[in-house]
Amino acid sequence: PQARSRPAPPPMAFAPDEVIARGLSDADLAALREAGFREIRHRNLSDGQPFSRLRKPARLTLAQARDMVRARPSVTVADLNHYFRPENAASCAGADCPMRQMIDWPANTSGCGTPVRIGMVDTGLNDKHPVLSAARLRLHRLEAENGHAVSDRLHGTSVAALLVGEPGSRTPGLVPQASLIAVDAFYKAGADERADAYALIEALDYLAAEQVQVINLSLAGPFNYALAGQVLALDQQGIVLVAAAGNGGPAAKPAYPAAHRPVIAVTAVDRRGEVYRRAGRGA
């Protein structure tokens, strides 16, 4: 009889033993260390608040560890270190692309006012690719951890080409005259390519400090309190966030950061202009 293949297990939703916290003071960090926590990573965000990534003691469940960190007086927000993954990016071959025609996108956008500064959080990208050779592009990679393989460059290169690709190339960008600051926040764990919430917040904070006007997020994951706070902070600064609504299907839970109220959620349609069958639905 033919052997039945087992379905692949669902990807992990969060780091199994980590908590992230914003605002943690030195005194409260010392108290958590006494309780068995270990600080894996620390940085000060652009607003001056400390941002910590902690490994819990083995004796505590993850929920207990999160609640213990939340209980420290200095902590403004704490949550699990959730994982976020890239969402599929379509591409076109030439200026006669059906997607561009569907939205009546002009072939030349040079007369559309002062070019904006765009931020992008994605995988790595090939900034030497011919389609990006003339782009006003800068790539920033977050510090990689020991043992983590670097992310692939395919997804990030595709998204960058959609935005600022060479006008005369096979993949012309929508706004090739704009400047793009791309942050590689992803890494590979086996076949799983992901960014954790800590890295995503770090990337968004970096782009805010670089004074971008709009940020593209072709990625999706679960709700995270720390990320929600970062999204609100950027919205209050007037930065527009655009994120993928997700390809989990009509019955899927809301995908974040797209489902946060200040974020513009982008879905997909088919050639008939109807909602893509695998696209997320609802508020």
Protein backbone atom coordinates (compact mmCIF):
# COMPACT_ATOMS: atom_id res chain seq x y z
CA PRO A 1 0.00 0.00 0.00
CA GLN A 2 1.12 3.52 -0.73
CA ALA A 3 2.47 5.24 2.37
CA ARG A 4 0.53 8.30 3.44
CA SER A 5 2.68 11.37 3.94
CA ARG A 6 2.11 13.23 7.16
CA PRO A 7 1.14 16.88 6.82
CA ALA A 8 3.89 19.31 7.72
CA PRO A 9 3.55 20.71 11.24
CA PRO A 10 2.39 24.35 11.42
CA PRO A 11 5.23 26.86 11.73
CA MET A 12 6.07 28.01 15.23
CA ALA A 13 4.18 31.16 16.26
CA PHE A 14 6.76 32.48 18.72
CA ALA A 15 10.16 31.84 20.24
CA PRO A 16 9.60 29.06 22.79
CA ASP A 17 11.42 30.67 25.74
CA GLU A 18 11.60 34.43 25.10
CA VAL A 19 9.84 37.58 26.32
CA ILE A 20 10.39 41.08 24.94
CA ALA A 21 9.91 44.19 27.07
CA ARG A 22 9.96 47.94 26.57
CA GLY A 23 10.97 50.38 29.32
CA LEU A 24 12.72 47.87 31.58
CA SER A 25 14.91 49.79 34.08
CA ASP A 26 18.29 48.61 35.33
CA ALA A 27 16.82 47.90 38.76
CA ASP A 28 13.95 45.83 37.36
CA LEU A 29 16.33 44.02 35.01
CA ALA A 30 18.52 43.14 37.99
CA ALA A 31 15.48 41.78 39.83
CA LEU A 32 14.54 39.62 36.83
CA ARG A 33 18.10 38.32 36.62
CA GLU A 34 17.85 37.32 40.26
CA ALA A 35 14.72 35.38 39.30
CA GLY A 36 16.62 33.50 36.58
CA PHE A 37 15.98 35.61 33.47
CA ARG A 38 18.81 36.31 31.03
CA GLU A 39 18.99 39.31 28.73
CA ILE A 40 19.76 38.14 25.18
CA ARG A 41 19.72 41.52 23.49
CA HIS A 42 19.32 45.16 24.51
CA ARG A 43 19.10 48.48 22.74
CA ASN A 44 17.70 51.93 23.35
CA LEU A 45 14.97 52.89 20.90
CA SER A 46 14.90 56.31 19.25
CA ASP A 47 12.51 57.63 21.92
CA GLY A 48 15.10 56.79 24.59
CA GLN A 49 13.24 53.80 26.03
CA PRO A 50 15.24 50.61 26.65
CA PHE A 51 14.09 47.57 24.70
CA SER A 52 15.07 44.12 25.98
CA ARG A 53 14.84 40.57 24.75
CA LEU A 54 14.86 38.09 27.62
CA ARG A 55 15.21 34.33 27.98
CA LYS A 56 12.98 32.92 30.70
CA PRO A 57 14.09 30.55 33.46
CA ALA A 58 13.26 26.89 32.79
CA ARG A 59 11.04 26.61 35.87
CA LEU A 60 8.49 29.12 34.50
CA THR A 61 5.98 28.61 31.73
CA LEU A 62 6.10 31.20 28.99
CA ALA A 63 2.85 32.80 30.19
CA GLN A 64 4.20 33.00 33.76
CA ALA A 65 7.42 34.56 32.52
CA ARG A 66 5.57 37.16 30.45
CA ASP A 67 3.34 38.09 33.38
CA MET A 68 6.33 38.38 35.71
CA VAL A 69 8.02 40.80 33.30
CA ARG A 70 4.81 42.78 32.83
CA ALA A 71 4.53 43.17 36.59
CA ARG A 72 7.81 45.13 36.88
CA PRO A 73 6.98 48.82 37.56
CA SER A 74 9.16 50.26 34.78
CA VAL A 75 7.83 48.05 31.97
CA THR A 76 5.48 49.85 29.57
CA VAL A 77 4.70 46.77 27.45
CA ALA A 78 5.84 43.14 27.35
CA ASP A 79 4.84 40.16 25.24
CA LEU A 80 6.08 36.93 23.70
CA ASN A 81 8.59 37.18 20.86
CA HIS A 82 6.22 36.29 18.01
CA TYR A 83 7.37 35.27 14.54
CA PHE A 84 6.43 37.05 11.30
CA ARG A 85 6.91 35.62 7.80
CA PRO A 86 7.11 37.06 4.29
CA GLU A 87 3.96 37.17 2.20
CA ASN A 88 4.05 36.33 -1.51
CA ALA A 89 5.02 39.20 -3.79
CA ALA A 90 3.82 39.24 -7.38
CA SER A 91 6.00 40.60 -10.18
CA CYS A 92 5.57 41.79 -13.75
CA ALA A 93 7.54 41.37 -16.94
CA GLY A 94 7.67 44.73 -18.68
CA ALA A 95 5.57 47.88 -18.63
CA ASP A 96 2.55 46.13 -20.22
CA CYS A 97 1.95 44.30 -16.94
CA PRO A 98 -1.74 43.35 -16.40
CA MET A 99 -1.50 44.45 -12.76
CA ARG A 100 -0.40 47.95 -13.71
CA GLN A 101 -3.08 48.15 -16.40
CA MET A 102 -5.78 47.03 -13.96
CA ILE A 103 -5.12 50.05 -11.72
CA ASP A 104 -4.31 52.34 -14.66
CA TRP A 105 -0.84 53.07 -13.31
CA PRO A 106 1.00 55.66 -15.43
CA ALA A 107 4.15 54.55 -17.25
CA ASN A 108 5.93 57.71 -16.07
CA THR A 109 5.42 58.99 -12.51
CA SER A 110 8.16 61.62 -12.61
CA GLY A 111 5.56 64.40 -12.58
CA CYS A 112 3.87 63.20 -9.39
CA GLY A 113 5.57 65.67 -7.05
CA THR A 114 8.64 65.35 -4.84
CA PRO A 115 9.79 61.72 -4.58
CA VAL A 116 9.09 60.25 -1.16
CA ARG A 117 11.50 58.34 1.05
CA ILE A 118 10.21 54.79 1.39
CA GLY A 119 11.14 52.32 4.11
CA MET A 120 10.85 48.58 3.65
CA VAL A 121 11.18 45.71 6.15
CA ASP A 122 11.77 42.44 4.37
CA THR A 123 14.29 39.68 3.71
CA GLY A 124 17.71 40.47 2.33
CA LEU A 125 17.94 41.66 -1.26
CA ASN A 126 20.40 41.72 -4.12
CA ASP A 127 21.18 45.42 -4.36
CA LYS A 128 23.60 44.65 -7.23
CA HIS A 129 20.85 43.18 -9.41
CA PRO A 130 20.61 44.99 -12.80
CA VAL A 131 16.98 45.96 -12.17
CA LEU A 132 18.12 47.87 -9.06
CA SER A 133 21.45 49.18 -10.38
CA ALA A 134 20.18 52.74 -10.86
CA ALA A 135 17.84 52.78 -7.85
CA ARG A 136 18.30 55.17 -4.95
CA LEU A 137 18.56 52.21 -2.62
CA ARG A 138 20.26 51.61 0.71
CA LEU A 139 20.25 48.25 2.52
CA HIS A 140 20.57 47.94 6.30
CA ARG A 141 20.97 44.51 7.88
CA LEU A 142 20.14 43.96 11.51
CA GLU A 143 22.83 42.27 13.54
CA ALA A 144 22.63 38.54 12.94
CA GLU A 145 22.71 36.11 15.83
CA ASN A 146 25.11 33.22 16.09
CA GLY A 147 23.66 30.06 14.58
CA HIS A 148 21.11 31.82 12.41
CA ALA A 149 21.46 31.53 8.64
CA VAL A 150 21.01 34.75 6.68
CA SER A 151 17.72 35.23 4.88
CA ASP A 152 17.27 34.54 1.19
CA ARG A 153 17.33 37.53 -1.14
CA LEU A 154 14.53 36.58 -3.54
CA HIS A 155 11.53 38.06 -1.70
CA GLY A 156 13.23 41.32 -0.77
CA THR A 157 14.60 41.79 -4.29
CA SER A 158 11.13 41.23 -5.76
CA VAL A 159 9.48 43.78 -3.47
CA ALA A 160 12.25 46.35 -4.04
CA ALA A 161 11.89 45.88 -7.81
CA LEU A 162 8.13 46.44 -7.59
CA LEU A 163 8.83 49.76 -5.88
CA VAL A 164 11.97 51.22 -7.47
CA GLY A 165 12.95 48.88 -10.31
CA GLU A 166 14.63 50.34 -13.42
CA PRO A 167 11.88 51.81 -15.68
CA GLY A 168 13.28 50.24 -18.88
CA SER A 169 13.84 46.80 -17.35
CA ARG A 170 11.70 43.66 -17.33
CA THR A 171 10.44 44.64 -13.85
CA PRO A 172 9.87 48.40 -13.83
CA GLY A 173 9.12 49.90 -10.44
CA LEU A 174 5.97 51.81 -9.60
CA VAL A 175 7.94 54.81 -8.26
CA PRO A 176 11.50 54.38 -9.56
CA GLN A 177 12.46 57.96 -8.71
CA ALA A 178 11.79 57.44 -4.98
CA SER A 179 14.55 56.60 -2.50
CA LEU A 180 14.27 53.29 -0.66
CA ILE A 181 15.79 52.26 2.66
CA ALA A 182 15.46 48.49 3.03
CA VAL A 183 15.97 46.69 6.34
CA ASP A 184 16.75 42.98 6.36
CA ALA A 185 15.12 41.76 9.59
CA PHE A 186 14.80 38.08 8.61
CA TYR A 187 16.83 34.93 9.13
CA LYS A 188 16.44 31.25 8.28
CA ALA A 189 15.84 28.42 10.74
CA GLY A 190 15.99 25.35 8.54
CA ALA A 191 13.45 25.92 5.78
CA ASP A 192 11.56 28.53 7.84
CA GLU A 193 12.30 32.15 6.95
CA ARG A 194 11.12 34.51 9.67
CA ALA A 195 11.58 37.72 11.61
CA ASP A 196 10.76 37.90 15.30
CA ALA A 197 8.81 40.73 16.91
CA TYR A 198 11.94 42.14 18.55
CA ALA A 199 13.72 42.47 15.18
CA LEU A 200 10.61 43.88 13.51
CA ILE A 201 10.26 46.61 16.14
CA GLU A 202 13.99 47.32 15.90
CA ALA A 203 13.65 47.69 12.11
CA LEU A 204 10.63 50.00 12.35
CA ASP A 205 12.40 52.17 14.91
CA TYR A 206 15.45 52.40 12.64
CA LEU A 207 13.32 53.52 9.68
CA ALA A 208 11.52 56.13 11.80
CA ALA A 209 14.91 57.56 12.79
CA GLU A 210 15.81 57.67 9.08
CA GLN A 211 12.73 59.91 8.55
CA VAL A 212 10.97 57.74 5.98
CA GLN A 213 7.47 58.82 5.01
CA VAL A 214 5.95 55.42 4.24
CA ILE A 215 6.94 51.85 5.18
CA ASN A 216 6.15 48.71 3.19
CA LEU A 217 5.65 45.50 5.18
CA SER A 218 5.08 42.47 2.92
CA LEU A 219 4.95 40.19 5.95
CA ALA A 220 2.39 38.85 8.40
CA GLY A 221 2.09 37.23 11.80
CA PRO A 222 0.02 37.19 15.03
CA PHE A 223 -0.97 40.04 17.31
CA ASN A 224 1.82 41.33 19.53
CA TYR A 225 1.39 44.04 22.18
CA ALA A 226 4.89 45.46 21.73
CA LEU A 227 4.45 45.70 17.96
CA ALA A 228 1.05 47.34 18.43
CA GLY A 229 2.70 50.07 20.51
CA GLN A 230 5.38 50.63 17.86
CA VAL A 231 2.76 50.90 15.11
CA LEU A 232 0.87 53.51 17.14
CA ALA A 233 4.06 55.49 17.79
CA LEU A 234 4.91 55.62 14.08
CA ASP A 235 1.35 56.62 13.18
CA GLN A 236 1.58 59.50 15.66
CA GLN A 237 4.75 60.61 13.86
CA GLY A 238 2.83 60.75 10.58
CA ILE A 239 4.52 57.72 9.02
CA VAL A 240 2.22 55.69 6.74
CA LEU A 241 2.44 51.91 7.18
CA VAL A 242 1.30 49.55 4.42
CA ALA A 243 1.16 45.79 5.12
CA ALA A 244 0.01 42.56 3.52
CA ALA A 245 -3.43 41.36 4.61
CA GLY A 246 -2.20 37.77 4.38
CA ASN A 247 -2.83 34.70 2.25
CA GLY A 248 -4.31 32.50 4.97
CA GLY A 249 -7.71 32.25 3.31
CA PRO A 250 -11.23 33.49 4.18
CA ALA A 251 -11.33 31.67 7.55
CA ALA A 252 -7.91 32.82 8.75
CA LYS A 253 -7.43 34.96 11.84
CA PRO A 254 -6.49 38.60 11.24
CA ALA A 255 -2.89 39.03 10.10
CA TYR A 256 -0.69 41.64 11.76
CA PRO A 257 0.59 44.29 11.41
CA ALA A 258 -1.98 44.77 8.61
CA ALA A 259 -4.91 44.35 11.04
CA HIS A 260 -3.76 47.20 13.31
CA ARG A 261 -6.12 50.14 12.86
CA PRO A 262 -3.53 52.73 11.66
CA VAL A 263 -2.09 50.38 9.02
CA ILE A 264 -3.23 50.29 5.38
CA ALA A 265 -3.94 46.61 4.69
CA VAL A 266 -3.32 45.45 1.12
CA THR A 267 -5.05 42.39 -0.29
CA ALA A 268 -4.85 40.68 -3.68
CA VAL A 269 -7.31 40.35 -6.54
CA ASP A 270 -7.39 37.98 -9.50
CA ARG A 271 -7.45 38.91 -13.18
CA ARG A 272 -11.21 39.52 -12.99
CA GLY A 273 -10.74 42.06 -10.22
CA GLU A 274 -12.29 39.76 -7.61
CA VAL A 275 -10.72 39.02 -4.24
CA TYR A 276 -8.01 36.38 -4.47
CA ARG A 277 -9.35 33.04 -3.17
CA ARG A 278 -6.57 32.69 -0.57
CA ALA A 279 -6.69 36.28 0.66
CA GLY A 280 -7.67 37.13 4.22
CA ARG A 281 -11.15 38.58 4.86
CA GLY A 282 -12.94 40.73 7.39
CA ALA A 283 -12.14 43.71 9.56
